[in-house]
N, C-alpha and C. Protein backbone atom coordinates (compact mmCIF):
# COMPACT_ATOMS: atom_id res chain seq x y z
N MET A 1 30.63 28.80 -3.15
CA MET A 1 31.63 28.22 -2.27
C MET A 1 30.98 27.13 -1.41
N LYS A 2 31.60 25.99 -1.36
CA LYS A 2 31.15 24.91 -0.48
C LYS A 2 31.78 25.12 0.90
N ALA A 3 31.27 24.38 1.87
CA ALA A 3 31.89 24.39 3.20
C ALA A 3 33.33 23.89 3.05
N ARG A 4 34.24 24.52 3.76
CA ARG A 4 35.65 24.14 3.69
C ARG A 4 36.10 23.72 5.08
N LEU A 5 36.56 22.49 5.19
CA LEU A 5 37.03 21.97 6.48
C LEU A 5 38.33 22.66 6.86
N LEU A 6 38.34 23.33 8.00
CA LEU A 6 39.54 24.02 8.48
C LEU A 6 40.29 23.19 9.52
N LEU A 7 39.54 22.39 10.29
CA LEU A 7 40.16 21.62 11.36
C LEU A 7 39.34 20.37 11.61
N HIS A 8 40.01 19.22 11.66
CA HIS A 8 39.37 17.99 12.10
C HIS A 8 40.45 17.14 12.76
N GLU A 9 40.41 17.11 14.08
CA GLU A 9 41.40 16.35 14.85
C GLU A 9 40.70 15.59 15.95
N ARG A 10 41.22 14.42 16.22
CA ARG A 10 40.80 13.65 17.39
C ARG A 10 42.08 13.40 18.18
N LEU A 11 42.12 13.92 19.39
CA LEU A 11 43.31 13.84 20.22
C LEU A 11 43.02 12.98 21.45
N GLN A 12 43.79 11.92 21.61
CA GLN A 12 43.64 11.04 22.76
C GLN A 12 44.34 11.69 23.95
N LEU A 13 43.61 11.95 25.03
CA LEU A 13 44.18 12.58 26.22
C LEU A 13 44.60 11.55 27.25
N ARG A 14 43.83 10.49 27.35
CA ARG A 14 44.12 9.35 28.22
C ARG A 14 43.56 8.11 27.53
N VAL A 15 43.73 6.98 28.14
CA VAL A 15 43.21 5.74 27.56
C VAL A 15 41.69 5.86 27.33
N ASP A 16 40.99 6.50 28.26
CA ASP A 16 39.53 6.58 28.19
C ASP A 16 39.00 7.98 27.88
N ALA A 17 39.86 8.89 27.42
CA ALA A 17 39.40 10.26 27.19
C ALA A 17 40.03 10.83 25.91
N PHE A 18 39.20 11.58 25.16
CA PHE A 18 39.69 12.23 23.95
C PHE A 18 38.89 13.50 23.69
N VAL A 19 39.43 14.35 22.83
CA VAL A 19 38.68 15.48 22.31
C VAL A 19 38.58 15.30 20.80
N GLU A 20 37.47 15.76 20.26
CA GLU A 20 37.31 15.81 18.81
C GLU A 20 36.97 17.25 18.44
N LEU A 21 37.72 17.79 17.50
CA LEU A 21 37.61 19.18 17.10
C LEU A 21 37.29 19.25 15.61
N ARG A 22 36.19 19.91 15.26
CA ARG A 22 35.84 20.09 13.85
C ARG A 22 35.36 21.53 13.65
N VAL A 23 35.96 22.20 12.67
CA VAL A 23 35.58 23.57 12.32
C VAL A 23 35.58 23.68 10.80
N TRP A 24 34.50 24.22 10.26
CA TRP A 24 34.38 24.46 8.84
C TRP A 24 34.14 25.95 8.60
N GLN A 25 34.60 26.44 7.47
CA GLN A 25 34.18 27.77 7.02
C GLN A 25 33.04 27.51 6.04
N VAL A 26 31.93 28.21 6.24
CA VAL A 26 30.74 27.98 5.42
C VAL A 26 30.41 29.23 4.62
N PRO A 27 29.72 29.06 3.48
CA PRO A 27 29.42 30.22 2.63
C PRO A 27 28.45 31.21 3.26
N ARG A 28 27.56 30.72 4.11
CA ARG A 28 26.58 31.57 4.81
C ARG A 28 26.54 31.17 6.27
N PRO A 29 26.27 32.09 7.15
CA PRO A 29 26.16 31.72 8.57
C PRO A 29 25.08 30.65 8.78
N VAL A 30 25.33 29.77 9.72
CA VAL A 30 24.33 28.80 10.16
C VAL A 30 23.21 29.62 10.80
N ALA A 31 21.96 29.28 10.53
CA ALA A 31 20.83 30.02 11.11
C ALA A 31 21.01 30.11 12.63
N GLY A 32 20.95 31.32 13.16
CA GLY A 32 21.14 31.53 14.59
C GLY A 32 22.54 32.00 14.94
N SER A 33 23.48 31.92 13.99
CA SER A 33 24.85 32.40 14.19
C SER A 33 25.10 33.59 13.28
N ALA A 34 26.02 34.45 13.67
CA ALA A 34 26.31 35.67 12.89
C ALA A 34 27.68 35.62 12.23
N HIS A 35 28.24 34.44 12.05
CA HIS A 35 29.59 34.30 11.50
C HIS A 35 29.59 33.17 10.46
N SER A 36 30.66 33.04 9.73
CA SER A 36 30.72 32.06 8.64
C SER A 36 31.48 30.79 9.03
N TYR A 37 31.23 30.28 10.24
CA TYR A 37 31.88 29.05 10.70
C TYR A 37 30.84 28.09 11.26
N LYS A 38 31.04 26.83 11.00
CA LYS A 38 30.28 25.74 11.63
C LYS A 38 31.28 25.02 12.51
N HIS A 39 30.91 24.70 13.75
CA HIS A 39 31.86 24.06 14.65
C HIS A 39 31.20 23.00 15.51
N ALA A 40 32.00 22.00 15.88
CA ALA A 40 31.57 20.94 16.78
C ALA A 40 32.82 20.46 17.52
N LEU A 41 32.90 20.77 18.80
CA LEU A 41 34.04 20.41 19.64
C LEU A 41 33.51 19.58 20.80
N ALA A 42 34.13 18.45 21.08
CA ALA A 42 33.61 17.59 22.15
C ALA A 42 34.74 17.03 23.01
N TYR A 43 34.45 16.89 24.30
CA TYR A 43 35.35 16.24 25.26
C TYR A 43 34.61 15.00 25.75
N VAL A 44 35.20 13.83 25.52
CA VAL A 44 34.55 12.55 25.82
C VAL A 44 35.43 11.76 26.79
N VAL A 45 34.79 11.25 27.85
CA VAL A 45 35.47 10.42 28.86
C VAL A 45 34.64 9.17 29.09
N ALA A 46 35.29 8.02 29.04
CA ALA A 46 34.61 6.74 29.28
C ALA A 46 33.36 6.61 28.42
N LYS A 47 33.48 7.00 27.16
CA LYS A 47 32.41 6.91 26.15
C LYS A 47 31.24 7.85 26.40
N LEU A 48 31.38 8.78 27.35
CA LEU A 48 30.32 9.76 27.61
C LEU A 48 30.82 11.15 27.25
N CYS A 49 29.99 11.90 26.53
CA CYS A 49 30.35 13.28 26.19
C CYS A 49 30.19 14.14 27.45
N VAL A 50 31.30 14.62 27.99
CA VAL A 50 31.28 15.45 29.19
C VAL A 50 30.73 16.83 28.84
N PHE A 51 31.24 17.41 27.75
CA PHE A 51 30.69 18.66 27.23
C PHE A 51 31.06 18.83 25.78
N ARG A 52 30.29 19.70 25.11
CA ARG A 52 30.60 20.01 23.72
C ARG A 52 30.16 21.44 23.41
N TYR A 53 30.85 22.00 22.43
CA TYR A 53 30.50 23.32 21.89
C TYR A 53 30.06 23.07 20.44
N ASP A 54 28.96 23.68 20.02
CA ASP A 54 28.57 23.56 18.62
C ASP A 54 27.64 24.70 18.23
N ASN A 55 27.29 24.72 16.98
CA ASN A 55 26.26 25.64 16.51
C ASN A 55 25.36 24.88 15.55
N GLU A 56 24.10 24.84 15.92
CA GLU A 56 23.09 24.14 15.14
C GLU A 56 22.14 25.18 14.55
N ALA A 57 21.52 24.81 13.45
CA ALA A 57 20.54 25.70 12.84
C ALA A 57 19.50 26.11 13.88
N VAL A 58 19.19 27.35 13.91
CA VAL A 58 18.23 28.01 14.80
C VAL A 58 18.81 28.24 16.19
N LYS A 59 19.44 27.24 16.81
CA LYS A 59 19.98 27.40 18.16
C LYS A 59 21.19 28.32 18.19
N GLY A 60 21.96 28.37 17.13
CA GLY A 60 23.16 29.20 17.11
C GLY A 60 24.26 28.59 17.97
N ASP A 61 25.19 29.44 18.38
CA ASP A 61 26.36 28.99 19.14
C ASP A 61 25.98 28.70 20.59
N HIS A 62 26.38 27.52 21.07
CA HIS A 62 26.05 27.14 22.44
C HIS A 62 26.98 26.03 22.92
N ARG A 63 26.89 25.77 24.24
CA ARG A 63 27.66 24.70 24.89
C ARG A 63 26.69 23.75 25.57
N HIS A 64 27.04 22.49 25.56
CA HIS A 64 26.31 21.47 26.31
C HIS A 64 27.25 21.02 27.42
N ILE A 65 26.82 21.15 28.66
CA ILE A 65 27.62 20.68 29.79
C ILE A 65 26.69 19.83 30.64
N GLY A 66 26.99 18.53 30.68
CA GLY A 66 26.06 17.62 31.33
C GLY A 66 24.74 17.70 30.60
N GLY A 67 23.66 17.85 31.32
CA GLY A 67 22.34 17.97 30.71
C GLY A 67 21.93 19.40 30.42
N LEU A 68 22.82 20.35 30.67
CA LEU A 68 22.49 21.76 30.49
C LEU A 68 23.01 22.29 29.16
N GLU A 69 22.30 23.26 28.62
CA GLU A 69 22.72 23.93 27.39
C GLU A 69 22.73 25.43 27.67
N ALA A 70 23.81 26.10 27.26
CA ALA A 70 23.94 27.54 27.50
C ALA A 70 24.47 28.21 26.24
N PRO A 71 24.05 29.44 25.97
CA PRO A 71 24.58 30.17 24.82
C PRO A 71 26.09 30.35 24.94
N TYR A 72 26.74 30.43 23.79
CA TYR A 72 28.18 30.69 23.74
C TYR A 72 28.40 31.90 22.85
N ASP A 73 29.19 32.85 23.32
CA ASP A 73 29.49 34.08 22.57
C ASP A 73 30.69 33.84 21.65
N PHE A 74 30.42 33.40 20.43
CA PHE A 74 31.48 33.13 19.46
C PHE A 74 32.08 34.44 18.97
N ARG A 75 33.42 34.52 19.01
CA ARG A 75 34.12 35.71 18.49
C ARG A 75 35.02 35.34 17.31
N THR A 76 35.92 34.39 17.51
CA THR A 76 36.81 33.92 16.43
C THR A 76 37.05 32.42 16.65
N PRO A 77 37.48 31.71 15.61
CA PRO A 77 37.80 30.30 15.80
C PRO A 77 38.91 30.09 16.84
N ASP A 78 39.91 30.97 16.86
CA ASP A 78 40.99 30.82 17.85
C ASP A 78 40.48 30.98 19.28
N GLU A 79 39.59 31.95 19.50
CA GLU A 79 39.03 32.13 20.85
C GLU A 79 38.12 30.96 21.22
N LEU A 80 37.39 30.43 20.26
CA LEU A 80 36.56 29.25 20.49
C LEU A 80 37.42 28.09 21.00
N LEU A 81 38.52 27.82 20.29
CA LEU A 81 39.41 26.74 20.71
C LEU A 81 40.03 27.02 22.08
N GLY A 82 40.41 28.26 22.33
CA GLY A 82 40.97 28.62 23.63
C GLY A 82 39.98 28.40 24.76
N ASP A 83 38.73 28.82 24.56
CA ASP A 83 37.69 28.62 25.58
C ASP A 83 37.43 27.14 25.80
N PHE A 84 37.39 26.38 24.72
CA PHE A 84 37.16 24.94 24.83
C PHE A 84 38.27 24.28 25.64
N TRP A 85 39.54 24.59 25.32
CA TRP A 85 40.66 23.97 26.05
C TRP A 85 40.69 24.41 27.52
N GLN A 86 40.26 25.63 27.82
CA GLN A 86 40.16 26.04 29.23
C GLN A 86 39.16 25.15 29.96
N ASP A 87 38.03 24.87 29.32
CA ASP A 87 37.04 23.98 29.95
C ASP A 87 37.60 22.56 30.09
N VAL A 88 38.31 22.07 29.09
CA VAL A 88 38.92 20.75 29.20
C VAL A 88 39.84 20.72 30.40
N ASP A 89 40.68 21.74 30.55
CA ASP A 89 41.61 21.79 31.69
C ASP A 89 40.88 21.80 33.03
N ARG A 90 39.73 22.48 33.08
CA ARG A 90 38.95 22.52 34.33
C ARG A 90 38.32 21.18 34.66
N TRP A 91 37.89 20.43 33.65
CA TRP A 91 37.19 19.17 33.86
C TRP A 91 38.12 17.98 33.94
N ARG A 92 39.30 18.10 33.35
CA ARG A 92 40.20 16.94 33.28
C ARG A 92 40.83 16.68 34.65
N PRO A 93 40.75 15.44 35.11
CA PRO A 93 41.41 15.12 36.38
C PRO A 93 42.93 15.19 36.22
N GLU A 94 43.60 15.53 37.27
CA GLU A 94 45.07 15.62 37.22
C GLU A 94 45.70 14.26 37.13
């Protein structure tokens, strides 16, 4: 089985802000992750990535917020998207 793209969307939130969402189902877990999904979700404002969620080989599931990186407890793709949108709502100006 090859990686199967489940989601790839770029949503414009404002003139200078967008989110990009990518989730794949993979045949084997990415090294450092215990599930069969590869993901990369980003919130970008004025050409700067404010934060992103991803899973890289060895690092596993984590979030980048500003210059900080923290582990992320991945449970399901739906919960991943829900957590990401909660962070977008917290960071997005009214």
